[in-house]
Amino acid sequence: MSQGIAITGMGIISAIGNNVAENYNALINENKGISRISKIDTIHKNDIMVGEIAYTNQELESLLNLPPDNNYSRTAFLGAIAAKEAVTHAGITDITAYKTGLISATSVGGMDMTEKYYYQYFEDKSKQKYIAGHNAGDSTQKIAQQLGIKESLVTTISTACSSAANAIMLGARLIKAGKLDRVVVGGSDCMSKFTINGFKTLMILSDTYNTPFDDNRKGLNLGEAAAYLVLESDAVVAAENKPVLGYVKGYGNANDAYHQTASSENGDGATIAMEKALEVANFKPEDIDYINAHGTATGNNDLSEGRAIIRVFGDKTPEFSSTKAYTGHTLAAAGAIEAVYSILALQHNIIFPNLNFKTQMQEFSITPELALKEKPLKTVMSNSFGFGGNCSTVIFSKDA
């Protein structure tokens, strides 16, 4: 078996909870966070359903003890909240004690403030401060400031829906290569008109609760969220005598260049990514106990991913489910959100249900897990597949 990278902390904020404990309680009680839009003034507010976080920006600002003249975007607010929880959970009191990096993923960046104040920038100088917060890297820099990371690697990944999974992969590789001792990895994305309008144009948004892997699926629910993991080297874990939540064992990424916004119907990119992850982990398909599927509830994604799972696992497909029916599709943060859920599944030996499923897909016979199920779990595969064939999957294990 290959050497695993230790996971020592995690933090999350999503539509179903403001921290890890609240998210877990919502998952086991099957509490969805999907509703009509309430925080954005959009012409689509009655057309679609989304996964919004309850906190207002002002409440998030207060939680972070920020001065009123800050120029944080909602993406930065959410990211800072989740990343600080992860660092606290890891028991880190001196972030500078080891070579520590931050790899943060986002798609939306500071777009929420740009679209809110765009027409006021030339007239109201007080709003010009948000211009600097527009770029994707600004939220990462603000999270780094909140964590006290100053002299090590701080970088941003934006590969659409696979972004946070790629952040986890890069962080693990940097520790394996000896470039970092510790790295905070994950992603953050807020809700914005830009995102809503973009996905509306693609005609893949649902006007009701999303139904992953259901034959009558109508599309995805957008969600906003942030989640981060703390990855640490064996040397740090041993020196600090730290408890370990699990290990990053394998990861795979493939760009099959099939289409700008669609996956191959045969799941070519997804198949390559899962096979690469198994190879890196030195695992066989039968070593996987559960798959936290990407499962967006769009016609293309669920067909592509389902066929890819069959190609990789054959007639011994492990139990699988998508948790996006709880949170919505959180875009660049999705890989980190579902990484936290995968680790929770490992910790509690529980498979979370694929909510809202009613009708078996006609194209294949595999069916997601429909009820909360207790089962001894040792290894979980978490899938994240993005636009343009950018595919990434990460394997988590209880063993190094």
Protein backbone atom coordinates (compact mmCIF):
# COMPACT_ATOMS: atom_id res chain seq x y z
CA MET A 1 0.00 0.00 0.00
CA SER A 2 1.19 3.53 -0.72
CA GLN A 3 1.91 5.97 2.06
CA GLY A 4 -1.12 8.04 2.97
CA ILE A 5 -1.25 11.71 3.88
CA ALA A 6 -2.84 12.29 7.28
CA ILE A 7 -6.02 14.35 7.66
CA THR A 8 -6.01 15.98 11.09
CA GLY A 9 -8.75 18.60 10.87
CA MET A 10 -11.80 19.64 8.87
CA GLY A 11 -14.23 22.53 8.74
CA ILE A 12 -17.38 23.22 6.78
CA ILE A 13 -20.28 25.63 6.33
CA SER A 14 -23.13 24.73 3.99
CA ALA A 15 -26.87 24.98 3.51
CA ILE A 16 -27.37 22.18 6.06
CA GLY A 17 -25.08 23.42 8.82
CA ASN A 18 -22.59 26.00 10.00
CA ASN A 19 -19.95 23.51 11.16
CA VAL A 20 -19.00 19.83 10.95
CA ALA A 21 -21.32 18.70 13.76
CA GLU A 22 -24.36 20.46 12.29
CA ASN A 23 -23.66 19.02 8.85
CA TYR A 24 -23.37 15.49 10.22
CA ASN A 25 -26.63 15.81 12.17
CA ALA A 26 -28.42 17.02 9.04
CA LEU A 27 -27.01 14.14 6.99
CA ILE A 28 -28.13 11.42 9.37
CA ASN A 29 -31.54 13.04 9.90
CA GLU A 30 -32.02 13.55 6.13
CA ASN A 31 -32.54 17.31 6.48
CA LYS A 32 -32.27 19.04 3.11
CA GLY A 33 -31.00 22.61 2.79
CA ILE A 34 -32.76 23.30 -0.51
CA SER A 35 -35.26 26.17 -0.78
CA ARG A 36 -36.36 29.09 -2.94
CA ILE A 37 -33.88 31.96 -3.34
CA SER A 38 -34.09 34.48 -0.49
CA LYS A 39 -30.80 36.42 -0.43
CA ILE A 40 -30.36 37.46 -4.08
CA ASP A 41 -32.67 39.74 -6.04
CA THR A 42 -32.93 37.82 -9.29
CA ILE A 43 -35.66 37.39 -11.88
CA HIS A 44 -35.19 33.64 -11.44
CA LYS A 45 -36.02 33.58 -7.72
CA ASN A 46 -39.32 31.78 -8.30
CA ASP A 47 -38.02 29.56 -11.10
CA ILE A 48 -35.37 27.49 -9.33
CA MET A 49 -34.39 26.07 -5.95
CA VAL A 50 -30.97 26.50 -4.33
CA GLY A 51 -28.95 25.64 -1.25
CA GLU A 52 -28.37 28.93 0.61
CA ILE A 53 -26.47 29.42 3.87
CA ALA A 54 -28.58 31.07 6.56
CA TYR A 55 -26.03 33.67 7.68
CA THR A 56 -26.12 37.14 6.16
CA ASN A 57 -22.85 38.83 5.18
CA GLN A 58 -23.18 41.08 8.21
CA GLU A 59 -23.46 38.06 10.50
CA LEU A 60 -20.43 36.42 8.89
CA GLU A 61 -18.51 39.69 9.26
CA SER A 62 -19.37 39.69 12.96
CA LEU A 63 -18.30 36.05 13.40
CA LEU A 64 -14.89 36.96 11.98
CA ASN A 65 -14.65 40.17 14.04
CA LEU A 66 -13.99 42.23 10.93
CA PRO A 67 -14.23 46.03 10.80
CA PRO A 68 -17.18 47.46 8.82
CA ASP A 69 -14.87 48.89 6.15
CA ASN A 70 -13.61 45.43 5.05
CA ASN A 71 -13.83 44.42 1.38
CA TYR A 72 -14.58 40.71 1.85
CA SER A 73 -16.72 38.92 -0.70
CA ARG A 74 -19.17 36.30 0.53
CA THR A 75 -16.82 33.65 -0.88
CA ALA A 76 -14.05 34.97 1.41
CA PHE A 77 -16.38 35.12 4.42
CA LEU A 78 -17.47 31.50 3.99
CA GLY A 79 -13.96 30.26 3.24
CA ALA A 80 -12.48 31.93 6.31
CA ILE A 81 -15.16 30.48 8.60
CA ALA A 82 -14.63 26.91 7.34
CA ALA A 83 -10.82 27.09 7.18
CA LYS A 84 -10.57 28.43 10.73
CA GLU A 85 -12.75 25.58 11.99
CA ALA A 86 -10.46 23.08 10.24
CA VAL A 87 -7.31 24.57 11.78
CA THR A 88 -8.90 24.66 15.24
CA HIS A 89 -10.11 21.07 14.82
CA ALA A 90 -6.53 20.05 13.95
CA GLY A 91 -5.34 21.50 17.27
CA ILE A 92 -2.99 23.97 15.60
CA THR A 93 -2.04 26.83 17.89
CA ASP A 94 1.03 28.05 16.00
CA ILE A 95 0.49 28.02 12.25
CA THR A 96 4.13 29.01 11.69
CA ALA A 97 5.63 26.09 13.61
CA TYR A 98 5.87 24.05 10.40
CA LYS A 99 6.03 24.88 6.71
CA THR A 100 2.31 25.37 6.12
CA GLY A 101 0.52 26.18 2.88
CA LEU A 102 -3.00 27.02 1.74
CA ILE A 103 -4.58 25.76 -1.49
CA SER A 104 -8.06 27.17 -1.94
CA ALA A 105 -10.49 26.57 -4.79
CA THR A 106 -13.17 28.88 -6.15
CA SER A 107 -15.17 29.56 -9.29
CA VAL A 108 -17.24 32.56 -8.24
CA GLY A 109 -14.51 34.47 -6.39
CA GLY A 110 -15.67 38.01 -5.62
CA MET A 111 -18.30 38.14 -8.36
CA ASP A 112 -21.11 38.67 -5.82
CA MET A 113 -19.77 42.10 -4.85
CA THR A 114 -18.81 43.02 -8.42
CA GLU A 115 -22.33 42.45 -9.72
CA LYS A 116 -23.83 44.19 -6.69
CA TYR A 117 -21.82 47.42 -7.03
CA TYR A 118 -20.81 47.38 -10.69
CA TYR A 119 -22.87 50.41 -11.67
CA GLN A 120 -21.81 52.36 -8.57
CA TYR A 121 -18.04 52.03 -8.86
CA PHE A 122 -17.51 55.30 -10.77
CA GLU A 123 -19.97 57.29 -8.64
CA ASP A 124 -19.40 55.96 -5.12
CA LYS A 125 -15.75 55.75 -4.05
CA SER A 126 -16.71 53.81 -0.91
CA LYS A 127 -17.68 50.86 -3.12
CA GLN A 128 -14.44 50.83 -5.12
CA LYS A 129 -12.76 48.79 -2.41
CA TYR A 130 -14.60 45.72 -3.74
CA ILE A 131 -12.84 45.92 -7.11
CA ALA A 132 -9.71 44.47 -5.52
CA GLY A 133 -11.77 41.57 -4.19
CA HIS A 134 -13.09 40.47 -7.56
CA ASN A 135 -10.31 38.09 -8.60
CA ALA A 136 -10.39 34.46 -7.49
CA GLY A 137 -7.09 34.75 -5.61
CA ASP A 138 -8.34 37.51 -3.31
CA SER A 139 -10.52 35.14 -1.27
CA THR A 140 -7.53 32.83 -0.88
CA GLN A 141 -5.33 35.68 0.35
CA LYS A 142 -7.96 36.72 2.88
CA ILE A 143 -8.30 33.16 4.18
CA ALA A 144 -4.51 32.97 4.50
CA GLN A 145 -4.54 36.22 6.49
CA GLN A 146 -7.22 34.85 8.80
CA LEU A 147 -5.12 31.72 9.39
CA GLY A 148 -1.84 33.61 9.76
CA ILE A 149 -0.15 31.92 6.78
CA LYS A 150 2.35 34.45 5.44
CA GLU A 151 5.62 32.96 4.27
CA SER A 152 4.68 29.67 2.65
CA LEU A 153 2.71 28.57 -0.41
CA VAL A 154 -0.66 30.28 -0.90
CA THR A 155 -2.37 29.50 -4.19
CA THR A 156 -5.77 29.22 -5.88
CA ILE A 157 -7.24 26.49 -8.07
CA SER A 158 -10.18 27.06 -10.41
CA THR A 159 -11.07 24.01 -12.50
CA ALA A 160 -14.84 24.33 -12.22
CA CYS A 161 -16.56 21.59 -10.21
CA SER A 162 -13.39 19.56 -9.63
CA SER A 163 -11.50 22.51 -8.11
CA ALA A 164 -11.49 21.52 -4.44
CA ALA A 165 -10.70 17.89 -5.24
CA ASN A 166 -7.73 19.14 -7.24
CA ALA A 167 -6.72 21.30 -4.25
CA ILE A 168 -6.69 18.17 -2.07
CA MET A 169 -4.68 16.30 -4.69
CA LEU A 170 -2.09 19.08 -5.04
CA GLY A 171 -1.76 19.43 -1.27
CA ALA A 172 -1.15 15.71 -0.83
CA ARG A 173 1.45 15.71 -3.59
CA LEU A 174 3.30 18.68 -2.09
CA ILE A 175 3.56 16.93 1.27
CA LYS A 176 4.69 13.69 -0.40
CA ALA A 177 7.35 15.66 -2.28
CA GLY A 178 8.60 17.25 0.95
CA LYS A 179 7.71 20.78 -0.18
CA LEU A 180 5.29 21.34 2.72
CA ASP A 181 4.87 19.86 6.17
CA ARG A 182 1.24 20.84 6.45
CA VAL A 183 -1.36 22.27 4.08
CA VAL A 184 -4.92 23.55 4.39
CA VAL A 185 -6.88 22.45 1.31
CA GLY A 186 -10.46 22.99 0.17
CA GLY A 187 -12.72 25.45 -1.53
CA SER A 188 -15.35 28.16 -1.19
CA ASP A 189 -18.08 29.48 -3.48
CA CYS A 190 -21.01 31.78 -2.78
CA MET A 191 -24.28 32.25 -4.63
CA SER A 192 -24.33 34.95 -7.30
CA LYS A 193 -26.46 36.16 -10.19
CA PHE A 194 -23.52 35.39 -12.45
CA THR A 195 -23.67 31.71 -11.53
CA ILE A 196 -27.45 31.49 -11.62
CA ASN A 197 -27.63 33.14 -15.05
CA GLY A 198 -24.82 31.00 -16.42
CA PHE A 199 -26.36 27.71 -15.39
CA LYS A 200 -29.78 28.94 -16.43
CA THR A 201 -28.34 29.49 -19.91
CA LEU A 202 -27.11 25.89 -19.91
CA MET A 203 -30.71 24.84 -19.10
CA ILE A 204 -29.64 22.45 -16.35
CA LEU A 205 -31.25 24.06 -13.26
CA SER A 206 -34.17 22.35 -11.56
CA ASP A 207 -37.35 24.10 -10.39
CA THR A 208 -37.74 21.50 -7.66
CA TYR A 209 -35.55 19.34 -5.40
CA ASN A 210 -32.72 17.74 -7.35
CA THR A 211 -32.95 13.96 -7.80
CA PRO A 212 -29.51 12.38 -8.42
CA PHE A 213 -29.45 9.23 -10.55
CA ASP A 214 -33.23 9.28 -10.98
CA ASP A 215 -34.58 8.56 -14.44
CA ASN A 216 -36.79 11.67 -14.24
CA ARG A 217 -34.07 14.02 -12.99
CA LYS A 218 -34.62 17.61 -14.11
CA GLY A 219 -31.30 19.25 -13.27
CA LEU A 220 -29.20 20.57 -10.41
CA ASN A 221 -29.81 22.93 -7.50
CA LEU A 222 -26.99 25.43 -7.11
CA GLY A 223 -25.55 25.68 -3.61
CA GLU A 224 -23.10 27.86 -1.70
CA ALA A 225 -20.62 26.42 0.77
CA ALA A 226 -17.03 26.18 1.94
CA ALA A 227 -15.01 23.31 3.37
CA TYR A 228 -11.35 22.67 4.20
CA LEU A 229 -9.15 19.82 5.38
CA VAL A 230 -5.82 20.02 7.19
CA LEU A 231 -3.30 17.61 5.69
CA GLU A 232 -0.10 16.85 7.62
CA SER A 233 3.03 14.80 7.09
CA ASP A 234 3.85 11.71 9.11
CA ALA A 235 6.67 13.66 10.77
CA VAL A 236 4.32 16.36 12.06
CA VAL A 237 1.76 13.79 13.25
CA ALA A 238 4.46 11.89 15.12
CA ALA A 239 6.08 15.00 16.61
CA GLU A 240 2.75 16.36 17.83
CA ASN A 241 1.26 12.95 18.71
CA LYS A 242 -1.85 14.00 16.79
CA PRO A 243 -5.06 12.04 16.31
CA VAL A 244 -5.75 11.28 12.65
CA LEU A 245 -9.21 11.40 11.05
CA GLY A 246 -8.18 9.44 7.97
CA TYR A 247 -5.69 9.44 5.13
CA VAL A 248 -5.61 10.66 1.55
CA LYS A 249 -4.52 7.51 -0.27
CA GLY A 250 -5.17 8.05 -3.95
CA TYR A 251 -6.22 10.67 -6.47
CA GLY A 252 -6.68 10.97 -10.18
CA ASN A 253 -7.24 13.73 -12.67
CA ALA A 254 -8.04 13.52 -16.36
CA ASN A 255 -8.84 16.09 -19.01
CA ASP A 256 -10.55 14.18 -21.79
CA ALA A 257 -11.35 17.42 -23.68
CA TYR A 258 -14.69 15.99 -24.75
CA HIS A 259 -16.76 19.20 -24.55
CA GLN A 260 -16.69 22.61 -22.85
CA THR A 261 -19.64 21.95 -20.55
CA ALA A 262 -20.50 18.26 -20.91
CA SER A 263 -18.97 14.93 -20.02
CA SER A 264 -18.59 11.99 -22.36
CA GLU A 265 -21.76 9.89 -22.35
CA ASN A 266 -19.55 6.86 -21.85
CA GLY A 267 -17.77 8.47 -18.89
CA ASP A 268 -14.31 8.42 -20.47
CA GLY A 269 -12.75 11.13 -18.29
CA ALA A 270 -14.42 9.87 -15.12
CA THR A 271 -13.22 6.34 -15.83
CA ILE A 272 -9.62 7.50 -16.27
CA ALA A 273 -9.75 9.59 -13.07
CA MET A 274 -11.08 6.72 -10.95
CA GLU A 275 -8.58 4.26 -12.43
CA LYS A 276 -5.72 6.68 -11.74
CA ALA A 277 -6.87 7.16 -8.14
CA LEU A 278 -6.92 3.39 -7.60
CA GLU A 279 -3.46 3.10 -9.15
CA VAL A 280 -1.97 5.82 -6.93
CA ALA A 281 -3.49 4.20 -3.84
CA ASN A 282 -2.33 0.76 -5.02
CA PHE A 283 -5.90 -0.44 -4.55
CA LYS A 284 -8.09 -2.78 -6.53
CA PRO A 285 -11.72 -1.83 -7.31
CA GLU A 286 -12.97 -4.31 -4.71
CA ASP A 287 -11.07 -2.38 -1.99
CA ILE A 288 -13.56 0.52 -2.22
CA ASP A 289 -16.41 0.23 0.29
CA TYR A 290 -18.46 3.28 -0.72
CA ILE A 291 -18.49 5.95 -3.42
CA ASN A 292 -19.60 9.49 -2.63
CA ALA A 293 -20.67 10.22 -6.19
CA HIS A 294 -20.54 13.55 -7.99
CA GLY A 295 -24.22 12.99 -8.87
CA THR A 296 -25.45 16.45 -9.91
CA ALA A 297 -28.89 15.23 -11.08
CA THR A 298 -28.35 16.50 -14.62
CA GLY A 299 -29.11 14.24 -17.55
CA ASN A 300 -25.54 14.18 -18.81
CA ASN A 301 -23.61 13.90 -15.54
CA ASP A 302 -25.49 11.03 -13.93
CA LEU A 303 -25.46 9.00 -17.14
CA SER A 304 -21.73 9.62 -17.65
CA GLU A 305 -20.75 8.91 -14.05
CA GLY A 306 -22.96 5.83 -13.78
CA ARG A 307 -21.44 4.32 -16.90
CA ALA A 308 -17.94 5.15 -15.65
CA ILE A 309 -18.62 3.44 -12.31
CA ILE A 310 -19.75 0.31 -14.16
CA ARG A 311 -16.64 0.41 -16.38
CA VAL A 312 -14.34 0.61 -13.34
CA PHE A 313 -16.15 -1.70 -10.92
CA GLY A 314 -18.02 -4.08 -13.22
CA ASP A 315 -20.64 -6.25 -11.53
CA LYS A 316 -19.16 -5.56 -8.08
CA THR A 317 -20.14 -1.90 -7.80
CA PRO A 318 -19.91 -0.70 -4.18
CA GLU A 319 -22.73 1.21 -2.57
CA PHE A 320 -22.84 4.78 -3.86
CA SER A 321 -24.86 7.92 -3.27
CA SER A 322 -24.83 11.62 -4.04
CA THR A 323 -25.18 14.09 -1.18
CA LYS A 324 -26.02 17.02 -3.48
CA ALA A 325 -29.69 16.54 -2.70
CA TYR A 326 -28.78 17.92 0.75
CA THR A 327 -26.61 20.91 -0.16
CA GLY A 328 -27.09 21.55 -3.86
CA HIS A 329 -24.12 21.63 -6.21
CA THR A 330 -21.56 23.86 -4.50
CA LEU A 331 -19.37 24.21 -7.60
CA ALA A 332 -15.66 24.71 -6.78
CA ALA A 333 -16.31 23.79 -3.14
CA ALA A 334 -18.04 20.50 -3.98
CA GLY A 335 -14.95 18.29 -3.78
CA ALA A 336 -14.14 19.60 -0.30
CA ILE A 337 -17.74 19.44 0.94
CA GLU A 338 -17.95 15.82 -0.11
CA ALA A 339 -14.47 15.10 1.26
CA VAL A 340 -15.75 16.11 4.70
CA TYR A 341 -18.82 13.91 4.19
CA SER A 342 -16.63 11.00 3.07
CA ILE A 343 -14.49 11.28 6.20
CA LEU A 344 -17.63 11.48 8.36
CA ALA A 345 -18.87 8.31 6.64
CA LEU A 346 -15.56 6.59 7.51
CA GLN A 347 -15.59 7.82 11.10
CA HIS A 348 -19.15 6.70 11.80
CA ASN A 349 -19.35 3.69 9.45
CA ILE A 350 -22.40 5.16 7.78
CA ILE A 351 -23.47 5.49 4.16
CA PHE A 352 -25.55 8.61 3.60
CA PRO A 353 -28.71 8.18 1.53
CA ASN A 354 -29.30 9.41 -2.02
CA LEU A 355 -32.37 11.54 -1.28
CA ASN A 356 -35.35 12.13 -3.59
CA PHE A 357 -34.74 9.03 -5.74
CA LYS A 358 -37.89 7.35 -7.13
CA THR A 359 -37.29 5.86 -10.57
CA GLN A 360 -34.48 3.61 -11.78
CA MET A 361 -32.48 4.98 -14.72
CA GLN A 362 -33.17 3.06 -17.92
CA GLU A 363 -29.57 3.02 -19.18
CA PHE A 364 -28.15 0.76 -16.45
CA SER A 365 -29.21 -1.31 -13.46
CA ILE A 366 -27.06 0.10 -10.64
CA THR A 367 -29.06 1.96 -8.00
CA PRO A 368 -27.80 4.42 -5.36
CA GLU A 369 -28.16 3.73 -1.65
CA LEU A 370 -31.62 5.07 -0.70
CA ALA A 371 -31.61 4.82 3.09
CA LEU A 372 -29.14 5.64 5.84
CA LYS A 373 -27.06 2.49 6.19
CA GLU A 374 -24.64 1.37 8.85
CA LYS A 375 -21.75 -0.62 7.42
CA PRO A 376 -18.09 -1.11 8.38
CA LEU A 377 -16.16 1.24 6.10
CA LYS A 378 -12.43 1.27 5.55
CA THR A 379 -12.09 3.08 2.23
CA VAL A 380 -14.25 5.70 0.48
CA MET A 381 -13.92 7.11 -3.02
CA SER A 382 -15.16 10.68 -3.53
CA ASN A 383 -15.86 11.80 -7.09
CA SER A 384 -15.71 15.34 -8.50
CA PHE A 385 -16.11 15.93 -12.20
CA GLY A 386 -15.92 19.38 -13.78
CA PHE A 387 -16.63 21.18 -17.03
CA GLY A 388 -14.42 20.49 -20.01
CA GLY A 389 -13.55 16.97 -18.88
CA ASN A 390 -11.58 18.07 -15.82
CA CYS A 391 -12.14 15.03 -13.64
CA SER A 392 -10.78 14.38 -10.20
CA THR A 393 -11.41 11.71 -7.62
CA VAL A 394 -9.88 11.17 -4.18
CA ILE A 395 -9.68 8.03 -2.06
CA PHE A 396 -9.87 8.32 1.73
CA SER A 397 -8.91 5.49 4.06
CA LYS A 398 -8.74 4.75 7.77
CA ASP A 399 -5.27 3.28 7.28
CA ALA A 400 -2.03 4.96 6.26
